[in-house]
Amino acid sequence: MLKKAKDWISSNSNFVQASTAVVQVGIAALMLWTLNQSAETLFVTKRQLESSIEPVLDMVMSGSKLQLTNEGSVDIKKLETIAVIGGNFNLTTGKISDYQVCRTRFLMCDTIKAGGSFEIDLSQHMVKILFEKPATDSIRVYCLVLRYRRSADMKPFTRFVPFTANKDGKTQTIDIYMPLFPSDGSSEASSVEGFGSLEIARQELITLYKTKVIPEDM
């Protein structure tokens, strides 16, 4: 029986070699398919994991320069300005008057990688207020509204950048910028939380956003 098998293989060696090659190709194709399936499963699992992670966009303001840093573990995509709000905040009444809302959709940065940064010059995005200079008991306040997306699922997130920009008391020519949010880059950072009138100004700016921008389906 064994001799007959050897004789058959010997006489049909071409067929046997061809069959072996076909089997090898089939095994290779199966292995490649298995690897592709594993890669797709890994990709989907990674996407699902990233879609559950909140992006972390840290802000540090120094003068008119705003440094945005992606402190999270997922990339941030499509950072854009969707609105700029400005007005005169009355320190006595705690209200914003003569406000202006500029709705826009300006792409500033396509991608901020995890650990990466992007700088914005706030002076280039301020509303051009068309009013007279604020009264002595008022200050000029602004809010840059940013929107960005999580790379995994492109879910949008909104970030407010409230700040003041007023003329130097002596020369009246240089704008003095101060954040209305805690910022390590500003000497005023430690006092913002406790400075009641500035906290009210920040809340007033956010109220303007909620009432004047959101209804427009930005």
N, C-alpha and C. Protein backbone atom coordinates (compact mmCIF):
# COMPACT_ATOMS: atom_id res chain seq x y z
N MET A 1 0.84 -1.21 0.00
CA MET A 1 0.00 0.00 0.00
C MET A 1 0.88 1.26 0.00
N LEU A 2 1.93 1.22 0.85
CA LEU A 2 2.81 2.37 0.93
C LEU A 2 3.57 2.57 -0.36
N LYS A 3 4.00 1.40 -0.98
CA LYS A 3 4.73 1.47 -2.24
C LYS A 3 3.86 2.04 -3.34
N LYS A 4 2.58 1.62 -3.35
CA LYS A 4 1.65 2.13 -4.37
C LYS A 4 1.47 3.64 -4.21
N ALA A 5 1.40 4.09 -2.96
CA ALA A 5 1.23 5.52 -2.71
C ALA A 5 2.44 6.31 -3.18
N LYS A 6 3.62 5.76 -2.88
CA LYS A 6 4.84 6.42 -3.33
C LYS A 6 4.92 6.45 -4.85
N ASP A 7 4.53 5.33 -5.47
CA ASP A 7 4.55 5.29 -6.93
C ASP A 7 3.57 6.29 -7.53
N TRP A 8 2.40 6.39 -6.89
CA TRP A 8 1.39 7.34 -7.42
C TRP A 8 1.87 8.78 -7.30
N ILE A 9 2.46 9.08 -6.14
CA ILE A 9 2.98 10.43 -5.94
C ILE A 9 4.09 10.73 -6.91
N SER A 10 4.95 9.72 -7.14
CA SER A 10 6.06 9.91 -8.07
C SER A 10 5.57 10.16 -9.48
N SER A 11 4.54 9.43 -9.87
CA SER A 11 4.03 9.58 -11.24
C SER A 11 3.13 10.80 -11.40
N ASN A 12 2.69 11.35 -10.29
CA ASN A 12 1.80 12.53 -10.35
C ASN A 12 2.40 13.70 -9.57
N SER A 13 3.70 13.80 -9.66
CA SER A 13 4.40 14.82 -8.88
C SER A 13 3.96 16.24 -9.23
N ASN A 14 3.69 16.49 -10.50
CA ASN A 14 3.25 17.83 -10.90
C ASN A 14 1.91 18.19 -10.26
N PHE A 15 1.01 17.22 -10.25
CA PHE A 15 -0.31 17.43 -9.65
C PHE A 15 -0.18 17.69 -8.15
N VAL A 16 0.69 16.87 -7.51
CA VAL A 16 0.89 17.00 -6.06
C VAL A 16 1.47 18.37 -5.73
N GLN A 17 2.47 18.83 -6.51
CA GLN A 17 3.08 20.13 -6.27
C GLN A 17 2.07 21.26 -6.46
N ALA A 18 1.26 21.11 -7.52
CA ALA A 18 0.24 22.14 -7.76
C ALA A 18 -0.78 22.18 -6.64
N SER A 19 -1.18 21.00 -6.16
CA SER A 19 -2.15 20.94 -5.07
C SER A 19 -1.58 21.53 -3.80
N THR A 20 -0.29 21.22 -3.56
CA THR A 20 0.37 21.78 -2.36
C THR A 20 0.43 23.30 -2.42
N ALA A 21 0.72 23.81 -3.62
CA ALA A 21 0.78 25.27 -3.79
C ALA A 21 -0.57 25.90 -3.54
N VAL A 22 -1.64 25.24 -4.03
CA VAL A 22 -3.00 25.76 -3.83
C VAL A 22 -3.34 25.80 -2.34
N VAL A 23 -2.98 24.71 -1.65
CA VAL A 23 -3.26 24.65 -0.21
C VAL A 23 -2.49 25.74 0.53
N GLN A 24 -1.22 25.95 0.15
CA GLN A 24 -0.41 26.98 0.80
C GLN A 24 -0.99 28.38 0.57
N VAL A 25 -1.44 28.60 -0.68
CA VAL A 25 -2.07 29.89 -0.98
C VAL A 25 -3.34 30.06 -0.15
N GLY A 26 -4.11 29.00 -0.02
CA GLY A 26 -5.33 29.06 0.77
C GLY A 26 -5.06 29.37 2.23
N ILE A 27 -4.01 28.71 2.77
CA ILE A 27 -3.64 28.96 4.17
C ILE A 27 -3.18 30.41 4.34
N ALA A 28 -2.37 30.89 3.38
CA ALA A 28 -1.89 32.27 3.47
C ALA A 28 -3.05 33.26 3.40
N ALA A 29 -4.01 32.98 2.51
CA ALA A 29 -5.18 33.86 2.38
C ALA A 29 -6.00 33.86 3.66
N LEU A 30 -6.14 32.67 4.27
CA LEU A 30 -6.88 32.57 5.53
C LEU A 30 -6.19 33.34 6.64
N MET A 31 -4.86 33.23 6.69
CA MET A 31 -4.10 33.96 7.71
C MET A 31 -4.22 35.47 7.50
N LEU A 32 -4.16 35.90 6.23
CA LEU A 32 -4.30 37.33 5.92
C LEU A 32 -5.67 37.84 6.31
N TRP A 33 -6.70 37.05 6.01
CA TRP A 33 -8.08 37.44 6.37
C TRP A 33 -8.22 37.54 7.89
N THR A 34 -7.60 36.56 8.59
CA THR A 34 -7.66 36.57 10.06
C THR A 34 -6.97 37.81 10.62
N LEU A 35 -5.82 38.16 10.04
CA LEU A 35 -5.09 39.36 10.48
C LEU A 35 -5.91 40.62 10.23
N ASN A 36 -6.54 40.68 9.05
CA ASN A 36 -7.38 41.84 8.72
C ASN A 36 -8.55 41.96 9.68
N GLN A 37 -9.17 40.82 9.99
CA GLN A 37 -10.29 40.83 10.92
C GLN A 37 -9.84 41.30 12.30
N SER A 38 -8.66 40.84 12.72
CA SER A 38 -8.13 41.24 14.03
C SER A 38 -7.82 42.73 14.04
N ALA A 39 -7.26 43.23 12.91
CA ALA A 39 -6.93 44.66 12.82
C ALA A 39 -8.20 45.50 12.86
N GLU A 40 -9.25 45.05 12.15
CA GLU A 40 -10.52 45.79 12.15
C GLU A 40 -11.15 45.78 13.54
N THR A 41 -11.08 44.64 14.20
CA THR A 41 -11.64 44.55 15.56
C THR A 41 -10.89 45.47 16.51
N LEU A 42 -9.55 45.48 16.37
CA LEU A 42 -8.73 46.35 17.21
C LEU A 42 -9.04 47.82 16.94
N PHE A 43 -9.23 48.17 15.65
CA PHE A 43 -9.54 49.54 15.27
C PHE A 43 -10.87 49.98 15.86
N VAL A 44 -11.88 49.11 15.73
CA VAL A 44 -13.22 49.44 16.26
C VAL A 44 -13.16 49.58 17.78
N THR A 45 -12.43 48.67 18.43
CA THR A 45 -12.31 48.73 19.89
C THR A 45 -11.63 50.02 20.32
N LYS A 46 -10.56 50.41 19.58
CA LYS A 46 -9.85 51.65 19.89
C LYS A 46 -10.77 52.85 19.71
N ARG A 47 -11.55 52.87 18.61
CA ARG A 47 -12.47 53.97 18.37
C ARG A 47 -13.52 54.07 19.47
N GLN A 48 -14.04 52.92 19.88
CA GLN A 48 -15.05 52.91 20.94
C GLN A 48 -14.47 53.44 22.24
N LEU A 49 -13.22 53.07 22.52
CA LEU A 49 -12.57 53.55 23.73
C LEU A 49 -12.34 55.06 23.65
N GLU A 50 -11.83 55.53 22.52
CA GLU A 50 -11.57 56.96 22.36
C GLU A 50 -12.85 57.77 22.40
N SER A 51 -13.96 57.16 21.93
CA SER A 51 -15.25 57.87 21.92
C SER A 51 -15.82 58.03 23.32
N SER A 52 -15.26 57.33 24.29
CA SER A 52 -15.73 57.45 25.67
C SER A 52 -14.85 58.40 26.49
N ILE A 53 -13.79 58.92 25.85
CA ILE A 53 -12.86 59.80 26.57
C ILE A 53 -13.16 61.26 26.25
N GLU A 54 -13.33 62.06 27.28
CA GLU A 54 -13.58 63.48 27.09
C GLU A 54 -12.28 64.20 26.71
N PRO A 55 -12.30 64.99 25.65
CA PRO A 55 -11.09 65.77 25.32
C PRO A 55 -10.86 66.85 26.37
N VAL A 56 -9.60 67.16 26.62
CA VAL A 56 -9.24 68.15 27.64
C VAL A 56 -8.46 69.27 26.95
N LEU A 57 -9.08 70.44 26.86
CA LEU A 57 -8.44 71.60 26.23
C LEU A 57 -8.13 72.63 27.31
N ASP A 58 -6.86 72.75 27.65
CA ASP A 58 -6.44 73.67 28.71
C ASP A 58 -6.15 75.04 28.12
N MET A 59 -6.49 76.12 28.85
CA MET A 59 -6.30 77.48 28.38
C MET A 59 -5.39 78.25 29.33
N VAL A 60 -4.41 78.93 28.77
CA VAL A 60 -3.55 79.84 29.53
C VAL A 60 -3.46 81.14 28.75
N MET A 61 -3.77 82.24 29.42
CA MET A 61 -3.80 83.55 28.76
C MET A 61 -2.71 84.44 29.34
N SER A 62 -1.92 85.03 28.46
CA SER A 62 -0.88 85.97 28.86
C SER A 62 -0.94 87.16 27.92
N GLY A 63 -1.39 88.31 28.44
CA GLY A 63 -1.64 89.45 27.56
C GLY A 63 -2.77 89.09 26.60
N SER A 64 -2.58 89.37 25.33
CA SER A 64 -3.60 89.04 24.34
C SER A 64 -3.41 87.65 23.75
N LYS A 65 -2.39 86.94 24.20
CA LYS A 65 -2.09 85.61 23.65
C LYS A 65 -2.79 84.53 24.49
N LEU A 66 -3.52 83.67 23.79
CA LEU A 66 -4.21 82.56 24.43
C LEU A 66 -3.57 81.26 23.95
N GLN A 67 -3.01 80.50 24.88
CA GLN A 67 -2.37 79.23 24.56
C GLN A 67 -3.35 78.10 24.87
N LEU A 68 -3.70 77.33 23.83
CA LEU A 68 -4.58 76.19 23.99
C LEU A 68 -3.74 74.92 23.91
N THR A 69 -3.86 74.06 24.92
CA THR A 69 -3.07 72.83 24.95
C THR A 69 -4.00 71.63 25.12
N ASN A 70 -3.80 70.65 24.27
CA ASN A 70 -4.57 69.40 24.36
C ASN A 70 -3.95 68.53 25.45
N GLU A 71 -4.54 68.58 26.64
CA GLU A 71 -4.01 67.83 27.77
C GLU A 71 -4.61 66.43 27.85
N GLY A 72 -5.46 66.07 26.91
CA GLY A 72 -6.09 64.75 26.93
C GLY A 72 -5.30 63.73 26.15
N SER A 73 -5.88 62.55 25.99
CA SER A 73 -5.22 61.44 25.30
C SER A 73 -5.77 61.20 23.91
N VAL A 74 -6.72 62.02 23.47
CA VAL A 74 -7.27 61.89 22.12
C VAL A 74 -7.05 63.19 21.36
N ASP A 75 -6.92 63.08 20.04
CA ASP A 75 -6.71 64.27 19.22
C ASP A 75 -7.96 65.13 19.17
N ILE A 76 -7.74 66.44 19.03
CA ILE A 76 -8.83 67.40 18.86
C ILE A 76 -8.82 67.87 17.41
N LYS A 77 -10.01 67.89 16.80
CA LYS A 77 -10.12 68.25 15.39
C LYS A 77 -11.00 69.50 15.23
N LYS A 78 -10.75 70.21 14.13
CA LYS A 78 -11.62 71.30 13.67
C LYS A 78 -11.90 72.34 14.76
N LEU A 79 -10.83 72.93 15.29
CA LEU A 79 -11.00 74.03 16.24
C LEU A 79 -11.43 75.26 15.47
N GLU A 80 -12.59 75.82 15.83
CA GLU A 80 -13.11 76.98 15.11
C GLU A 80 -13.76 77.98 16.05
N THR A 81 -13.81 79.22 15.59
CA THR A 81 -14.54 80.27 16.30
C THR A 81 -15.96 80.29 15.78
N ILE A 82 -16.94 80.23 16.68
CA ILE A 82 -18.33 80.28 16.23
C ILE A 82 -19.03 81.58 16.66
N ALA A 83 -18.41 82.33 17.56
CA ALA A 83 -19.01 83.61 17.95
C ALA A 83 -18.00 84.43 18.74
N VAL A 84 -18.15 85.74 18.63
CA VAL A 84 -17.40 86.68 19.47
C VAL A 84 -18.41 87.66 20.04
N ILE A 85 -18.37 87.83 21.36
CA ILE A 85 -19.33 88.70 22.04
C ILE A 85 -18.55 89.82 22.74
N GLY A 86 -19.08 91.02 22.68
CA GLY A 86 -18.43 92.14 23.35
C GLY A 86 -19.46 93.10 23.89
N GLY A 87 -19.10 93.83 24.92
CA GLY A 87 -20.03 94.80 25.49
C GLY A 87 -19.40 95.58 26.61
N ASN A 88 -20.15 96.52 27.15
CA ASN A 88 -19.69 97.32 28.28
C ASN A 88 -20.34 96.80 29.55
N PHE A 89 -19.52 96.37 30.49
CA PHE A 89 -20.03 95.83 31.75
C PHE A 89 -19.99 96.91 32.82
N ASN A 90 -21.16 97.21 33.35
CA ASN A 90 -21.28 98.23 34.38
C ASN A 90 -20.97 97.62 35.74
N LEU A 91 -19.91 98.10 36.39
CA LEU A 91 -19.48 97.55 37.67
C LEU A 91 -20.48 97.82 38.79
N THR A 92 -21.32 98.85 38.62
CA THR A 92 -22.30 99.20 39.65
C THR A 92 -23.54 98.34 39.55
N THR A 93 -24.09 98.22 38.33
CA THR A 93 -25.33 97.46 38.14
C THR A 93 -25.08 95.98 37.92
N GLY A 94 -23.86 95.62 37.51
CA GLY A 94 -23.57 94.22 37.23
C GLY A 94 -24.22 93.73 35.95
N LYS A 95 -24.45 94.64 35.00
CA LYS A 95 -25.10 94.28 33.74
C LYS A 95 -24.23 94.71 32.56
N ILE A 96 -24.39 93.99 31.45
CA ILE A 96 -23.71 94.35 30.21
C ILE A 96 -24.66 95.15 29.34
N SER A 97 -24.19 96.31 28.89
CA SER A 97 -25.00 97.14 28.01
C SER A 97 -24.28 97.32 26.68
N ASP A 98 -24.98 97.80 25.70
CA ASP A 98 -24.39 98.10 24.39
C ASP A 98 -23.58 96.92 23.85
N TYR A 99 -24.14 95.74 23.98
CA TYR A 99 -23.39 94.56 23.56
C TYR A 99 -23.51 94.32 22.06
N GLN A 100 -22.59 93.55 21.57
CA GLN A 100 -22.59 93.17 20.16
C GLN A 100 -22.22 91.69 20.06
N VAL A 101 -22.96 90.94 19.25
CA VAL A 101 -22.70 89.51 19.04
C VAL A 101 -22.36 89.30 17.57
N CYS A 102 -21.19 88.76 17.34
CA CYS A 102 -20.76 88.47 15.97
C CYS A 102 -20.72 86.95 15.78
N ARG A 103 -21.66 86.42 15.02
CA ARG A 103 -21.68 84.99 14.73
C ARG A 103 -20.78 84.70 13.54
N THR A 104 -19.99 83.68 13.66
CA THR A 104 -19.05 83.36 12.60
C THR A 104 -18.82 81.86 12.58
N ARG A 105 -18.03 81.41 11.66
CA ARG A 105 -17.61 80.01 11.63
C ARG A 105 -16.26 79.99 10.93
N PHE A 106 -15.22 80.25 11.74
CA PHE A 106 -13.88 80.41 11.20
C PHE A 106 -12.98 79.30 11.72
N LEU A 107 -12.47 78.46 10.83
CA LEU A 107 -11.59 77.37 11.22
C LEU A 107 -10.21 77.93 11.54
N MET A 108 -9.73 77.69 12.76
CA MET A 108 -8.44 78.20 13.18
C MET A 108 -7.35 77.13 13.16
N CYS A 109 -7.74 75.89 13.43
CA CYS A 109 -6.74 74.81 13.47
C CYS A 109 -7.44 73.49 13.14
N ASP A 110 -6.86 72.72 12.22
CA ASP A 110 -7.49 71.46 11.81
C ASP A 110 -7.31 70.37 12.86
N THR A 111 -6.12 70.29 13.45
CA THR A 111 -5.84 69.21 14.42
C THR A 111 -4.90 69.71 15.51
N ILE A 112 -5.25 69.39 16.76
CA ILE A 112 -4.31 69.55 17.87
C ILE A 112 -4.07 68.16 18.44
N LYS A 113 -2.90 67.64 18.21
CA LYS A 113 -2.57 66.31 18.68
C LYS A 113 -2.54 66.28 20.21
N ALA A 114 -2.70 65.09 20.78
CA ALA A 114 -2.60 64.93 22.22
C ALA A 114 -1.23 65.44 22.67
N GLY A 115 -1.24 66.39 23.61
CA GLY A 115 0.00 67.00 24.07
C GLY A 115 0.43 68.21 23.27
N GLY A 116 -0.26 68.48 22.16
CA GLY A 116 0.09 69.61 21.31
C GLY A 116 -0.58 70.90 21.74
N SER A 117 -0.13 72.02 21.17
CA SER A 117 -0.66 73.33 21.53
C SER A 117 -0.95 74.16 20.30
N PHE A 118 -1.78 75.19 20.51
CA PHE A 118 -2.10 76.14 19.45
C PHE A 118 -2.32 77.50 20.09
N GLU A 119 -1.78 78.55 19.49
CA GLU A 119 -1.87 79.89 20.08
C GLU A 119 -2.80 80.78 19.27
N ILE A 120 -3.60 81.55 19.99
CA ILE A 120 -4.53 82.50 19.38
C ILE A 120 -4.20 83.90 19.88
N ASP A 121 -4.18 84.86 18.97
CA ASP A 121 -4.03 86.27 19.36
C ASP A 121 -5.44 86.84 19.48
N LEU A 122 -5.87 87.05 20.70
CA LEU A 122 -7.25 87.51 20.94
C LEU A 122 -7.52 88.87 20.33
N SER A 123 -6.50 89.68 20.17
CA SER A 123 -6.71 91.01 19.60
C SER A 123 -7.19 90.93 18.15
N GLN A 124 -6.94 89.79 17.50
CA GLN A 124 -7.36 89.63 16.11
C GLN A 124 -8.79 89.13 15.99
N HIS A 125 -9.41 88.79 17.12
CA HIS A 125 -10.76 88.22 17.08
C HIS A 125 -11.78 89.04 17.87
N MET A 126 -11.38 90.19 18.37
CA MET A 126 -12.29 91.00 19.17
C MET A 126 -13.36 91.65 18.30
N VAL A 127 -14.53 91.77 18.90
CA VAL A 127 -15.61 92.48 18.22
C VAL A 127 -15.23 93.96 18.09
N LYS A 128 -15.45 94.52 16.93
CA LYS A 128 -15.20 95.95 16.74
C LYS A 128 -16.41 96.72 17.27
N ILE A 129 -16.36 97.03 18.55
CA ILE A 129 -17.47 97.72 19.19
C ILE A 129 -17.64 99.10 18.59
N LEU A 130 -18.86 99.41 18.22
CA LEU A 130 -19.15 100.67 17.54
C LEU A 130 -19.71 101.72 18.49
N PHE A 131 -19.40 101.57 19.79
CA PHE A 131 -19.95 102.50 20.77
C PHE A 131 -18.89 103.50 21.22
N GLU A 132 -19.35 104.47 21.98
CA GLU A 132 -18.42 105.38 22.63
C GLU A 132 -17.66 104.60 23.70
N LYS A 133 -16.54 105.13 24.14
CA LYS A 133 -15.77 104.41 25.16
C LYS A 133 -16.62 104.27 26.41
N PRO A 134 -16.45 103.18 27.16
CA PRO A 134 -17.31 102.94 28.33
C PRO A 134 -17.17 104.02 29.38
N ALA A 135 -18.23 104.19 30.16
CA ALA A 135 -18.21 105.17 31.24
C ALA A 135 -17.17 104.77 32.29
N THR A 136 -16.90 105.68 33.21
CA THR A 136 -15.85 105.44 34.21
C THR A 136 -16.17 104.25 35.11
N ASP A 137 -17.46 103.91 35.27
CA ASP A 137 -17.82 102.78 36.13
C ASP A 137 -18.08 101.51 35.30
N SER A 138 -17.59 101.49 34.05
CA SER A 138 -17.79 100.32 33.18
C SER A 138 -16.45 99.86 32.59
N ILE A 139 -16.40 98.61 32.24
CA ILE A 139 -15.24 98.04 31.56
C ILE A 139 -15.70 97.30 30.31
N ARG A 140 -14.81 97.19 29.35
CA ARG A 140 -15.12 96.47 28.11
C ARG A 140 -14.83 94.98 28.31
N VAL A 141 -15.82 94.13 28.05
CA VAL A 141 -15.64 92.69 28.23
C VAL A 141 -15.93 91.97 26.92
N TYR A 142 -15.29 90.82 26.75
CA TYR A 142 -15.42 90.03 25.53
C TYR A 142 -15.53 88.55 25.87
N CYS A 143 -16.00 87.80 24.90
CA CYS A 143 -16.01 86.34 25.03
C CYS A 143 -15.83 85.73 23.65
N LEU A 144 -14.75 85.00 23.48
CA LEU A 144 -14.53 84.24 22.26
C LEU A 144 -15.10 82.85 22.48
N VAL A 145 -16.01 82.43 21.60
CA VAL A 145 -16.65 81.11 21.74
C VAL A 145 -16.00 80.14 20.76
N LEU A 146 -15.39 79.10 21.30
CA LEU A 146 -14.69 78.11 20.48
C LEU A 146 -15.48 76.81 20.43
N ARG A 147 -15.38 76.15 19.28
CA ARG A 147 -15.95 74.80 19.17
C ARG A 147 -14.89 73.88 18.57
N TYR A 148 -14.78 72.70 19.11
CA TYR A 148 -13.82 71.73 18.60
C TYR A 148 -14.46 70.34 18.67
N ARG A 149 -13.84 69.37 18.01
CA ARG A 149 -14.43 68.04 17.92
C ARG A 149 -13.47 66.96 18.36
N ARG A 150 -14.03 65.92 18.95
CA ARG A 150 -13.25 64.75 19.33
C ARG A 150 -12.98 63.92 18.07
N SER A 151 -11.72 63.57 17.84
CA SER A 151 -11.35 62.94 16.57
C SER A 151 -12.03 61.59 16.36
N ALA A 152 -12.29 60.86 17.43
CA ALA A 152 -12.84 59.51 17.30
C ALA A 152 -14.22 59.48 16.66
N ASP A 153 -15.10 60.41 17.08
CA ASP A 153 -16.47 60.40 16.58
C ASP A 153 -16.94 61.78 16.11
N MET A 154 -16.04 62.76 16.13
CA MET A 154 -16.32 64.14 15.71
C MET A 154 -17.45 64.79 16.52
N LYS A 155 -17.61 64.34 17.75
CA LYS A 155 -18.58 64.97 18.63
C LYS A 155 -18.11 66.38 18.98
N PRO A 156 -18.98 67.40 18.87
CA PRO A 156 -18.56 68.78 19.14
C PRO A 156 -18.57 69.12 20.62
N PHE A 157 -17.63 69.99 21.00
CA PHE A 157 -17.56 70.52 22.35
C PHE A 157 -17.37 72.04 22.24
N THR A 158 -17.87 72.77 23.24
CA THR A 158 -17.80 74.23 23.22
C THR A 158 -16.97 74.73 24.39
N ARG A 159 -16.17 75.77 24.14
CA ARG A 159 -15.35 76.36 25.19
C ARG A 159 -15.47 77.88 25.13
N PHE A 160 -15.68 78.51 26.29
CA PHE A 160 -15.81 79.96 26.36
C PHE A 160 -14.48 80.57 26.80
N VAL A 161 -14.12 81.69 26.18
CA VAL A 161 -12.91 82.41 26.56
C VAL A 161 -13.32 83.84 26.92
N PRO A 162 -13.77 84.06 28.16
CA PRO A 162 -14.16 85.42 28.57
C PRO A 162 -12.95 86.21 29.06
N PHE A 163 -12.90 87.49 28.68
CA PHE A 163 -11.76 88.32 29.09
C PHE A 163 -12.14 89.79 28.99
N THR A 164 -11.31 90.63 29.58
CA THR A 164 -11.49 92.08 29.45
C THR A 164 -10.35 92.64 28.61
N ALA A 165 -10.63 93.75 27.94
CA ALA A 165 -9.60 94.44 27.17
C ALA A 165 -9.90 95.93 27.26
N ASN A 166 -9.12 96.62 28.06
CA ASN A 166 -9.36 98.05 28.30
C ASN A 166 -8.08 98.86 28.11
N LYS A 167 -8.25 100.13 27.82
CA LYS A 167 -7.11 101.01 27.58
C LYS A 167 -6.33 101.27 28.86
N ASP A 168 -5.05 101.46 28.69
CA ASP A 168 -4.20 101.83 29.80
C ASP A 168 -4.69 103.14 30.42
N GLY A 169 -4.76 103.19 31.75
CA GLY A 169 -5.32 104.36 32.42
C GLY A 169 -4.56 105.65 32.17
N LYS A 170 -3.28 105.56 31.86
CA LYS A 170 -2.47 106.75 31.66
C LYS A 170 -2.41 107.17 30.20
N THR A 171 -2.03 106.24 29.34
CA THR A 171 -1.82 106.61 27.93
C THR A 171 -3.07 106.46 27.08
N GLN A 172 -4.00 105.60 27.52
CA GLN A 172 -5.23 105.33 26.77
C GLN A 172 -4.92 104.80 25.36
N THR A 173 -3.78 104.18 25.20
CA THR A 173 -3.41 103.67 23.88
C THR A 173 -3.16 102.16 23.87
N ILE A 174 -2.79 101.60 25.00
CA ILE A 174 -2.45 100.18 25.05
C ILE A 174 -3.57 99.40 25.72
N ASP A 175 -4.04 98.35 25.05
CA ASP A 175 -5.08 97.52 25.64
C ASP A 175 -4.48 96.62 26.72
N ILE A 176 -5.10 96.64 27.90
CA ILE A 176 -4.69 95.76 29.00
C ILE A 176 -5.66 94.58 29.02
N TYR A 177 -5.13 93.38 28.79
CA TYR A 177 -5.96 92.18 28.75
C TYR A 177 -5.93 91.45 30.09
N MET A 178 -7.09 90.91 30.47
CA MET A 178 -7.14 90.12 31.69
C MET A 178 -8.19 89.02 31.51
N PRO A 179 -7.85 87.77 31.82
CA PRO A 179 -8.83 86.69 31.67
C PRO A 179 -9.91 86.76 32.73
N LEU A 180 -11.10 86.34 32.36
CA LEU A 180 -12.18 86.19 33.32
C LEU A 180 -12.35 84.71 33.65
N PHE A 181 -11.22 84.03 33.67
CA PHE A 181 -11.18 82.61 34.06
C PHE A 181 -9.81 82.37 34.69
N PRO A 182 -9.67 81.38 35.55
CA PRO A 182 -8.37 81.11 36.16
C PRO A 182 -7.33 80.77 35.09
N SER A 183 -6.21 81.46 35.12
CA SER A 183 -5.16 81.24 34.13
C SER A 183 -3.80 81.43 34.77
N ASP A 184 -2.94 80.41 34.66
CA ASP A 184 -1.61 80.49 35.25
C ASP A 184 -0.75 81.54 34.55
N GLY A 185 -1.16 81.92 33.34
CA GLY A 185 -0.36 82.87 32.59
C GLY A 185 -0.64 84.31 32.92
N SER A 186 -1.57 84.55 33.83
CA SER A 186 -1.94 85.92 34.17
C SER A 186 -1.71 86.19 35.65
N SER A 187 -1.23 87.39 35.96
CA SER A 187 -1.02 87.76 37.36
C SER A 187 -2.34 87.93 38.09
N GLU A 188 -3.42 88.04 37.30
CA GLU A 188 -4.74 88.22 37.91
C GLU A 188 -5.43 86.89 38.15
N ALA A 189 -4.80 85.78 37.75
CA ALA A 189 -5.47 84.48 37.81
C ALA A 189 -5.99 84.14 39.19
N SER A 190 -5.19 84.43 40.22
CA SER A 190 -5.57 84.03 41.57
C SER A 190 -6.72 84.86 42.12
N SER A 191 -6.98 86.01 41.54
CA SER A 191 -8.02 86.88 42.09
C SER A 191 -9.35 86.78 41.36
N VAL A 192 -9.36 86.09 40.21
CA VAL A 192 -10.59 86.06 39.42
C VAL A 192 -11.72 85.38 40.16
N GLU A 193 -11.43 84.24 40.80
CA GLU A 193 -12.48 83.51 41.48
C GLU A 193 -13.12 84.34 42.59
N GLY A 194 -12.30 85.14 43.28
CA GLY A 194 -12.82 85.88 44.41
C GLY A 194 -13.32 87.27 44.06
N PHE A 195 -13.05 87.69 42.86
CA PHE A 195 -13.44 89.04 42.44
C PHE A 195 -14.87 88.97 41.91
N GLY A 196 -15.83 89.31 42.78
CA GLY A 196 -17.24 89.09 42.48
C GLY A 196 -17.73 89.74 41.20
N SER A 197 -17.35 90.99 40.96
CA SER A 197 -17.87 91.70 39.79
C SER A 197 -17.40 91.06 38.49
N LEU A 198 -16.16 90.56 38.47
CA LEU A 198 -15.66 89.91 37.27
C LEU A 198 -16.33 88.57 37.03
N GLU A 199 -16.65 87.87 38.10
CA GLU A 199 -17.39 86.61 37.96
C GLU A 199 -18.78 86.88 37.40
N ILE A 200 -19.41 87.98 37.83
CA ILE A 200 -20.72 88.36 37.29
C ILE A 200 -20.59 88.70 35.82
N ALA A 201 -19.53 89.39 35.44
CA ALA A 201 -19.30 89.74 34.04
C ALA A 201 -19.17 88.48 33.19
N ARG A 202 -18.46 87.49 33.70
CA ARG A 202 -18.31 86.22 32.98
C ARG A 202 -19.67 85.55 32.78
N GLN A 203 -20.47 85.53 33.84
CA GLN A 203 -21.80 84.93 33.74
C GLN A 203 -22.69 85.68 32.75
N GLU A 204 -22.57 87.01 32.73
CA GLU A 204 -23.35 87.81 31.80
C GLU A 204 -22.98 87.49 30.35
N LEU A 205 -21.70 87.29 30.09
CA LEU A 205 -21.25 86.93 28.74
C LEU A 205 -21.81 85.57 28.33
N ILE A 206 -21.78 84.62 29.25
CA ILE A 206 -22.32 83.28 28.95
C ILE A 206 -23.82 83.36 28.71
N THR A 207 -24.51 84.20 29.45
CA THR A 207 -25.96 84.38 29.24
C THR A 207 -26.23 84.93 27.84
N LEU A 208 -25.41 85.89 27.41
CA LEU A 208 -25.57 86.43 26.06
C LEU A 208 -25.37 85.34 25.02
N TYR A 209 -24.40 84.46 25.26
CA TYR A 209 -24.17 83.35 24.32
C TYR A 209 -25.40 82.45 24.26
N LYS A 210 -25.94 82.09 25.42
CA LYS A 210 -27.07 81.17 25.46
C LYS A 210 -28.34 81.76 24.85
N THR A 211 -28.49 83.07 24.96
CA THR A 211 -29.72 83.69 24.47
C THR A 211 -29.59 84.24 23.05
N LYS A 212 -28.37 84.57 22.62
CA LYS A 212 -28.21 85.22 21.33
C LYS A 212 -27.51 84.35 20.27
N VAL A 213 -26.81 83.32 20.69
CA VAL A 213 -26.07 82.49 19.73
C VAL A 213 -26.71 81.12 19.57
N ILE A 214 -26.98 80.42 20.67
CA ILE A 214 -27.54 79.08 20.58
C ILE A 214 -28.85 79.03 19.79
N PRO A 215 -29.79 80.01 19.95
CA PRO A 215 -31.03 79.94 19.16
C PRO A 215 -30.79 79.96 17.66
N GLU A 216 -29.62 80.44 17.21
CA GLU A 216 -29.32 80.48 15.79
C GLU A 216 -28.77 79.15 15.28
N ASP A 217 -28.77 78.14 16.17
CA ASP A 217 -28.30 76.80 15.80
C ASP A 217 -26.88 76.84 15.26
N MET A 218 -25.99 77.47 16.06
CA MET A 218 -24.59 77.52 15.67
C MET A 218 -23.94 76.16 15.86
